[in-house]
All heavy atoms as atom14 arrays in JSON, in Angstrom:
{
  "sequence": "HFAGYGAARGGRDYDDAEISDSELWNVYLPP",
  "atom14_mask": [
    [1, 1, 1, 1, 1, 1, 1, 1, 1, 1, 0, 0, 0, 0],
    [1, 1, 1, 1, 1, 1, 1, 1, 1, 1, 1, 0, 0, 0],
    [1, 1, 1, 1, 1, 0, 0, 0, 0, 0, 0, 0, 0, 0],
    [1, 1, 1, 1, 0, 0, 0, 0, 0, 0, 0, 0, 0, 0],
    [1, 1, 1, 1, 1, 1, 1, 1, 1, 1, 1, 1, 0, 0],
    [1, 1, 1, 1, 0, 0, 0, 0, 0, 0, 0, 0, 0, 0],
    [1, 1, 1, 1, 1, 0, 0, 0, 0, 0, 0, 0, 0, 0],
    [1, 1, 1, 1, 1, 0, 0, 0, 0, 0, 0, 0, 0, 0],
    [1, 1, 1, 1, 1, 1, 1, 1, 1, 1, 1, 0, 0, 0],
    [1, 1, 1, 1, 0, 0, 0, 0, 0, 0, 0, 0, 0, 0],
    [1, 1, 1, 1, 0, 0, 0, 0, 0, 0, 0, 0, 0, 0],
    [1, 1, 1, 1, 1, 1, 1, 1, 1, 1, 1, 0, 0, 0],
    [1, 1, 1, 1, 1, 1, 1, 1, 0, 0, 0, 0, 0, 0],
    [1, 1, 1, 1, 1, 1, 1, 1, 1, 1, 1, 1, 0, 0],
    [1, 1, 1, 1, 1, 1, 1, 1, 0, 0, 0, 0, 0, 0],
    [1, 1, 1, 1, 1, 1, 1, 1, 0, 0, 0, 0, 0, 0],
    [1, 1, 1, 1, 1, 0, 0, 0, 0, 0, 0, 0, 0, 0],
    [1, 1, 1, 1, 1, 1, 1, 1, 1, 0, 0, 0, 0, 0],
    [1, 1, 1, 1, 1, 1, 1, 1, 0, 0, 0, 0, 0, 0],
    [1, 1, 1, 1, 1, 1, 0, 0, 0, 0, 0, 0, 0, 0],
    [1, 1, 1, 1, 1, 1, 1, 1, 0, 0, 0, 0, 0, 0],
    [1, 1, 1, 1, 1, 1, 0, 0, 0, 0, 0, 0, 0, 0],
    [1, 1, 1, 1, 1, 1, 1, 1, 1, 0, 0, 0, 0, 0],
    [1, 1, 1, 1, 1, 1, 1, 1, 0, 0, 0, 0, 0, 0],
    [1, 1, 1, 1, 1, 1, 1, 1, 1, 1, 1, 1, 1, 1],
    [1, 1, 1, 1, 1, 1, 1, 1, 0, 0, 0, 0, 0, 0],
    [1, 1, 1, 1, 1, 1, 1, 0, 0, 0, 0, 0, 0, 0],
    [1, 1, 1, 1, 1, 1, 1, 1, 1, 1, 1, 1, 0, 0],
    [1, 1, 1, 1, 1, 1, 1, 1, 0, 0, 0, 0, 0, 0],
    [1, 1, 1, 1, 1, 1, 1, 0, 0, 0, 0, 0, 0, 0],
    [1, 1, 1, 1, 1, 1, 1, 0, 0, 0, 0, 0, 0, 0]
  ],
  "atom14_positions": [
    [[-16.2, 7.38, 5.09], [-17.63, 7.25, 5.36], [-18.05, 5.91, 4.77], [-17.81, 5.69, 3.57], [-18.44, 8.36, 4.71], [-17.92, 9.75, 4.99], [-16.85, 10.29, 4.34], [-18.35, 10.71, 5.86], [-16.63, 11.52, 4.78], [-17.52, 11.8, 5.71], [0.0, 0.0, 0.0], [0.0, 0.0, 0.0], [0.0, 0.0, 0.0], [0.0, 0.0, 0.0]],
    [[-18.65, 5.06, 5.54], [-18.93, 3.71, 5.1], [-20.25, 3.65, 4.34], [-21.29, 3.91, 4.92], [-18.98, 2.77, 6.31], [-18.75, 1.33, 5.97], [-17.46, 0.85, 5.8], [-19.8, 0.46, 5.79], [-17.23, -0.47, 5.49], [-19.59, -0.86, 5.46], [-18.29, -1.34, 5.31], [0.0, 0.0, 0.0], [0.0, 0.0, 0.0], [0.0, 0.0, 0.0]],
    [[-20.18, 3.3, 3.1], [-19.03, 3.06, 2.24], [-19.37, 3.56, 0.84], [-20.54, 3.65, 0.46], [-18.7, 1.59, 2.18], [0.0, 0.0, 0.0], [0.0, 0.0, 0.0], [0.0, 0.0, 0.0], [0.0, 0.0, 0.0], [0.0, 0.0, 0.0], [0.0, 0.0, 0.0], [0.0, 0.0, 0.0], [0.0, 0.0, 0.0], [0.0, 0.0, 0.0]],
    [[-18.3, 3.91, 0.08], [-18.46, 4.3, -1.3], [-18.79, 5.75, -1.53], [-19.14, 6.15, -2.65], [0.0, 0.0, 0.0], [0.0, 0.0, 0.0], [0.0, 0.0, 0.0], [0.0, 0.0, 0.0], [0.0, 0.0, 0.0], [0.0, 0.0, 0.0], [0.0, 0.0, 0.0], [0.0, 0.0, 0.0], [0.0, 0.0, 0.0], [0.0, 0.0, 0.0]],
    [[-18.66, 6.59, -0.5], [-18.99, 8.01, -0.63], [-18.14, 8.68, -1.71], [-18.6, 9.6, -2.39], [-18.77, 8.66, 0.74], [-19.17, 10.1, 0.89], [-20.14, 10.7, 0.1], [-18.6, 10.88, 1.89], [-20.51, 12.02, 0.28], [-18.95, 12.2, 2.09], [-19.91, 12.77, 1.28], [-20.27, 14.08, 1.46], [0.0, 0.0, 0.0], [0.0, 0.0, 0.0]],
    [[-16.9, 8.23, -1.88], [-16.03, 8.83, -2.87], [-16.45, 8.58, -4.31], [-15.87, 9.16, -5.23], [0.0, 0.0, 0.0], [0.0, 0.0, 0.0], [0.0, 0.0, 0.0], [0.0, 0.0, 0.0], [0.0, 0.0, 0.0], [0.0, 0.0, 0.0], [0.0, 0.0, 0.0], [0.0, 0.0, 0.0], [0.0, 0.0, 0.0], [0.0, 0.0, 0.0]],
    [[-17.43, 7.72, -4.51], [-17.9, 7.42, -5.87], [-19.16, 8.2, -6.22], [-19.92, 7.8, -7.11], [-18.18, 5.92, -6.0], [0.0, 0.0, 0.0], [0.0, 0.0, 0.0], [0.0, 0.0, 0.0], [0.0, 0.0, 0.0], [0.0, 0.0, 0.0], [0.0, 0.0, 0.0], [0.0, 0.0, 0.0], [0.0, 0.0, 0.0], [0.0, 0.0, 0.0]],
    [[-19.38, 9.31, -5.54], [-20.57, 10.13, -5.81], [-20.7, 10.42, -7.3], [-19.73, 10.81, -7.96], [-20.5, 11.43, -5.02], [0.0, 0.0, 0.0], [0.0, 0.0, 0.0], [0.0, 0.0, 0.0], [0.0, 0.0, 0.0], [0.0, 0.0, 0.0], [0.0, 0.0, 0.0], [0.0, 0.0, 0.0], [0.0, 0.0, 0.0], [0.0, 0.0, 0.0]],
    [[-21.87, 10.25, -7.81], [-22.11, 10.39, -9.24], [-21.7, 11.78, -9.73], [-22.11, 12.8, -9.17], [-23.59, 10.15, -9.53], [-23.9, 9.81, -10.98], [-25.4, 9.72, -11.21], [-26.05, 8.67, -10.42], [-26.24, 7.43, -10.85], [-25.77, 7.06, -12.03], [-26.88, 6.55, -10.1], [0.0, 0.0, 0.0], [0.0, 0.0, 0.0], [0.0, 0.0, 0.0]],
    [[-20.86, 11.81, -10.78], [-20.43, 13.07, -11.36], [-19.48, 13.87, -10.48], [-19.21, 15.03, -10.75], [0.0, 0.0, 0.0], [0.0, 0.0, 0.0], [0.0, 0.0, 0.0], [0.0, 0.0, 0.0], [0.0, 0.0, 0.0], [0.0, 0.0, 0.0], [0.0, 0.0, 0.0], [0.0, 0.0, 0.0], [0.0, 0.0, 0.0], [0.0, 0.0, 0.0]],
    [[-18.98, 13.24, -9.39], [-18.14, 13.98, -8.47], [-18.9, 15.01, -7.65], [-18.29, 15.84, -6.99], [0.0, 0.0, 0.0], [0.0, 0.0, 0.0], [0.0, 0.0, 0.0], [0.0, 0.0, 0.0], [0.0, 0.0, 0.0], [0.0, 0.0, 0.0], [0.0, 0.0, 0.0], [0.0, 0.0, 0.0], [0.0, 0.0, 0.0], [0.0, 0.0, 0.0]],
    [[-20.23, 14.94, -7.68], [-21.05, 15.92, -6.97], [-21.28, 15.45, -5.54], [-21.88, 14.39, -5.32], [-22.39, 16.11, -7.71], [-22.26, 16.69, -9.1], [-23.62, 16.86, -9.77], [-24.25, 15.58, -10.0], [-24.08, 14.84, -11.11], [-23.29, 15.28, -12.07], [-24.7, 13.7, -11.24], [0.0, 0.0, 0.0], [0.0, 0.0, 0.0], [0.0, 0.0, 0.0]],
    [[-20.79, 16.23, -4.59], [-20.91, 15.85, -3.19], [-22.37, 15.59, -2.83], [-23.26, 16.34, -3.24], [-20.34, 16.97, -2.32], [-19.78, 16.44, -1.01], [-19.87, 15.23, -0.78], [-19.25, 17.24, -0.24], [0.0, 0.0, 0.0], [0.0, 0.0, 0.0], [0.0, 0.0, 0.0], [0.0, 0.0, 0.0], [0.0, 0.0, 0.0], [0.0, 0.0, 0.0]],
    [[-22.58, 14.53, -2.07], [-23.87, 14.08, -1.55], [-24.7, 13.3, -2.57], [-25.72, 12.71, -2.21], [-24.74, 15.23, -1.0], [-24.04, 16.17, -0.05], [-24.36, 17.52, -0.03], [-23.08, 15.72, 0.85], [-23.75, 18.39, 0.85], [-22.46, 16.58, 1.73], [-22.78, 17.92, 1.73], [-22.18, 18.79, 2.6], [0.0, 0.0, 0.0], [0.0, 0.0, 0.0]],
    [[-24.3, 13.3, -3.85], [-25.08, 12.53, -4.82], [-24.91, 11.03, -4.58], [-23.98, 10.59, -3.91], [-24.67, 12.89, -6.25], [-25.48, 14.04, -6.81], [-26.12, 14.75, -6.01], [-25.46, 14.26, -8.03], [0.0, 0.0, 0.0], [0.0, 0.0, 0.0], [0.0, 0.0, 0.0], [0.0, 0.0, 0.0], [0.0, 0.0, 0.0], [0.0, 0.0, 0.0]],
    [[-25.81, 10.25, -5.17], [-25.81, 8.81, -4.97], [-24.61, 8.14, -5.65], [-23.95, 8.74, -6.5], [-27.11, 8.21, -5.51], [-27.3, 8.49, -6.99], [-27.48, 9.68, -7.36], [-27.25, 7.54, -7.79], [0.0, 0.0, 0.0], [0.0, 0.0, 0.0], [0.0, 0.0, 0.0], [0.0, 0.0, 0.0], [0.0, 0.0, 0.0], [0.0, 0.0, 0.0]],
    [[-24.35, 6.9, -5.26], [-23.24, 6.14, -5.82], [-23.73, 4.76, -6.24], [-24.49, 4.12, -5.51], [-22.11, 6.0, -4.81], [0.0, 0.0, 0.0], [0.0, 0.0, 0.0], [0.0, 0.0, 0.0], [0.0, 0.0, 0.0], [0.0, 0.0, 0.0], [0.0, 0.0, 0.0], [0.0, 0.0, 0.0], [0.0, 0.0, 0.0], [0.0, 0.0, 0.0]],
    [[-23.32, 4.35, -7.41], [-23.6, 3.0, -7.9], [-22.26, 2.28, -8.04], [-21.42, 2.66, -8.85], [-24.32, 3.05, -9.25], [-25.77, 3.5, -9.17], [-26.68, 2.42, -8.6], [-26.37, 1.22, -8.78], [-27.69, 2.78, -7.98], [0.0, 0.0, 0.0], [0.0, 0.0, 0.0], [0.0, 0.0, 0.0], [0.0, 0.0, 0.0], [0.0, 0.0, 0.0]],
    [[-22.05, 1.26, -7.24], [-20.76, 0.58, -7.18], [-20.98, -0.92, -7.31], [-21.77, -1.52, -6.57], [-20.05, 0.88, -5.84], [-19.89, 2.38, -5.65], [-18.68, 0.21, -5.8], [-19.35, 2.76, -4.29], [0.0, 0.0, 0.0], [0.0, 0.0, 0.0], [0.0, 0.0, 0.0], [0.0, 0.0, 0.0], [0.0, 0.0, 0.0], [0.0, 0.0, 0.0]],
    [[-20.27, -1.55, -8.23], [-20.37, -3.0, -8.37], [-19.74, -3.67, -7.16], [-18.91, -3.09, -6.45], [-19.65, -3.46, -9.64], [-18.24, -3.32, -9.49], [0.0, 0.0, 0.0], [0.0, 0.0, 0.0], [0.0, 0.0, 0.0], [0.0, 0.0, 0.0], [0.0, 0.0, 0.0], [0.0, 0.0, 0.0], [0.0, 0.0, 0.0], [0.0, 0.0, 0.0]],
    [[-20.1, -4.92, -6.92], [-19.49, -5.66, -5.82], [-17.99, -5.81, -6.04], [-17.21, -5.79, -5.08], [-20.14, -7.03, -5.67], [-21.48, -6.96, -4.96], [-21.8, -5.89, -4.41], [-22.21, -7.96, -4.95], [0.0, 0.0, 0.0], [0.0, 0.0, 0.0], [0.0, 0.0, 0.0], [0.0, 0.0, 0.0], [0.0, 0.0, 0.0], [0.0, 0.0, 0.0]],
    [[-17.57, -5.97, -7.28], [-16.15, -6.1, -7.57], [-15.39, -4.85, -7.15], [-14.35, -4.92, -6.49], [-15.93, -6.37, -9.06], [-14.55, -6.43, -9.37], [0.0, 0.0, 0.0], [0.0, 0.0, 0.0], [0.0, 0.0, 0.0], [0.0, 0.0, 0.0], [0.0, 0.0, 0.0], [0.0, 0.0, 0.0], [0.0, 0.0, 0.0], [0.0, 0.0, 0.0]],
    [[-15.92, -3.68, -7.51], [-15.26, -2.45, -7.1], [-15.34, -2.24, -5.6], [-14.39, -1.75, -4.98], [-15.89, -1.25, -7.83], [-15.21, -0.89, -9.12], [-15.42, 0.57, -9.47], [-16.57, 1.03, -9.38], [-14.44, 1.24, -9.83], [0.0, 0.0, 0.0], [0.0, 0.0, 0.0], [0.0, 0.0, 0.0], [0.0, 0.0, 0.0], [0.0, 0.0, 0.0]],
    [[-16.47, -2.58, -5.01], [-16.61, -2.4, -3.57], [-15.52, -3.16, -2.82], [-14.81, -2.59, -1.98], [-17.99, -2.88, -3.11], [-18.23, -2.81, -1.59], [-18.33, -1.36, -1.14], [-19.49, -3.59, -1.21], [0.0, 0.0, 0.0], [0.0, 0.0, 0.0], [0.0, 0.0, 0.0], [0.0, 0.0, 0.0], [0.0, 0.0, 0.0], [0.0, 0.0, 0.0]],
    [[-15.37, -4.45, -3.13], [-14.44, -5.29, -2.37], [-12.99, -5.06, -2.76], [-12.1, -5.12, -1.9], [-14.81, -6.76, -2.56], [-16.08, -7.11, -1.84], [-17.33, -7.2, -2.37], [-16.23, -7.39, -0.45], [-18.25, -7.52, -1.41], [-17.6, -7.64, -0.21], [-15.34, -7.45, 0.61], [-18.09, -7.95, 1.05], [-15.83, -7.76, 1.87], [-17.19, -8.0, 2.09]],
    [[-12.73, -4.79, -4.04], [-11.34, -4.65, -4.48], [-10.79, -3.24, -4.34], [-9.58, -3.06, -4.23], [-11.21, -5.09, -5.94], [-11.4, -6.57, -6.13], [-10.91, -7.38, -5.32], [-12.14, -6.97, -7.16], [0.0, 0.0, 0.0], [0.0, 0.0, 0.0], [0.0, 0.0, 0.0], [0.0, 0.0, 0.0], [0.0, 0.0, 0.0], [0.0, 0.0, 0.0]],
    [[-11.67, -2.24, -4.34], [-11.2, -0.86, -4.36], [-11.61, -0.09, -3.11], [-10.77, 0.52, -2.44], [-11.73, -0.12, -5.62], [-11.32, 1.36, -5.6], [-11.21, -0.8, -6.88], [0.0, 0.0, 0.0], [0.0, 0.0, 0.0], [0.0, 0.0, 0.0], [0.0, 0.0, 0.0], [0.0, 0.0, 0.0], [0.0, 0.0, 0.0], [0.0, 0.0, 0.0]],
    [[-12.89, -0.11, -2.76], [-13.39, 0.79, -1.72], [-13.28, 0.26, -0.3], [-13.19, 1.04, 0.66], [-14.85, 1.18, -2.02], [-14.95, 2.08, -3.22], [-15.21, 1.57, -4.49], [-14.75, 3.45, -3.11], [-15.27, 2.39, -5.61], [-14.81, 4.28, -4.21], [-15.07, 3.74, -5.46], [-15.12, 4.57, -6.56], [0.0, 0.0, 0.0], [0.0, 0.0, 0.0]],
    [[-13.28, -1.05, -0.12], [-13.25, -1.6, 1.23], [-11.87, -1.83, 1.83], [-11.73, -1.82, 3.06], [-14.04, -2.91, 1.28], [-15.56, -2.79, 1.13], [-16.23, -4.15, 1.29], [-16.15, -1.8, 2.14], [0.0, 0.0, 0.0], [0.0, 0.0, 0.0], [0.0, 0.0, 0.0], [0.0, 0.0, 0.0], [0.0, 0.0, 0.0], [0.0, 0.0, 0.0]],
    [[-10.81, -2.06, 1.04], [-9.5, -2.32, 1.67], [-9.04, -1.29, 2.68], [-8.53, -1.68, 3.75], [-8.55, -2.42, 0.46], [-9.41, -2.99, -0.62], [-10.75, -2.32, -0.43], [0.0, 0.0, 0.0], [0.0, 0.0, 0.0], [0.0, 0.0, 0.0], [0.0, 0.0, 0.0], [0.0, 0.0, 0.0], [0.0, 0.0, 0.0], [0.0, 0.0, 0.0]],
    [[-9.22, 0.03, 2.47], [-8.81, 0.96, 3.53], [-9.61, 0.8, 4.81], [-9.07, 0.97, 5.91], [-9.04, 2.34, 2.88], [-8.94, 2.08, 1.41], [-9.59, 0.75, 1.23], [0.0, 0.0, 0.0], [0.0, 0.0, 0.0], [0.0, 0.0, 0.0], [0.0, 0.0, 0.0], [0.0, 0.0, 0.0], [0.0, 0.0, 0.0], [0.0, 0.0, 0.0]]
  ]
}
């Protein structure tokens, strides 16, 4: 799901995600 859904706060499904640009580009976007 574009993008960063797996970083849901506290592992709680549907909760918001706060992701730095570094993590976004290096971790979440490559797949």
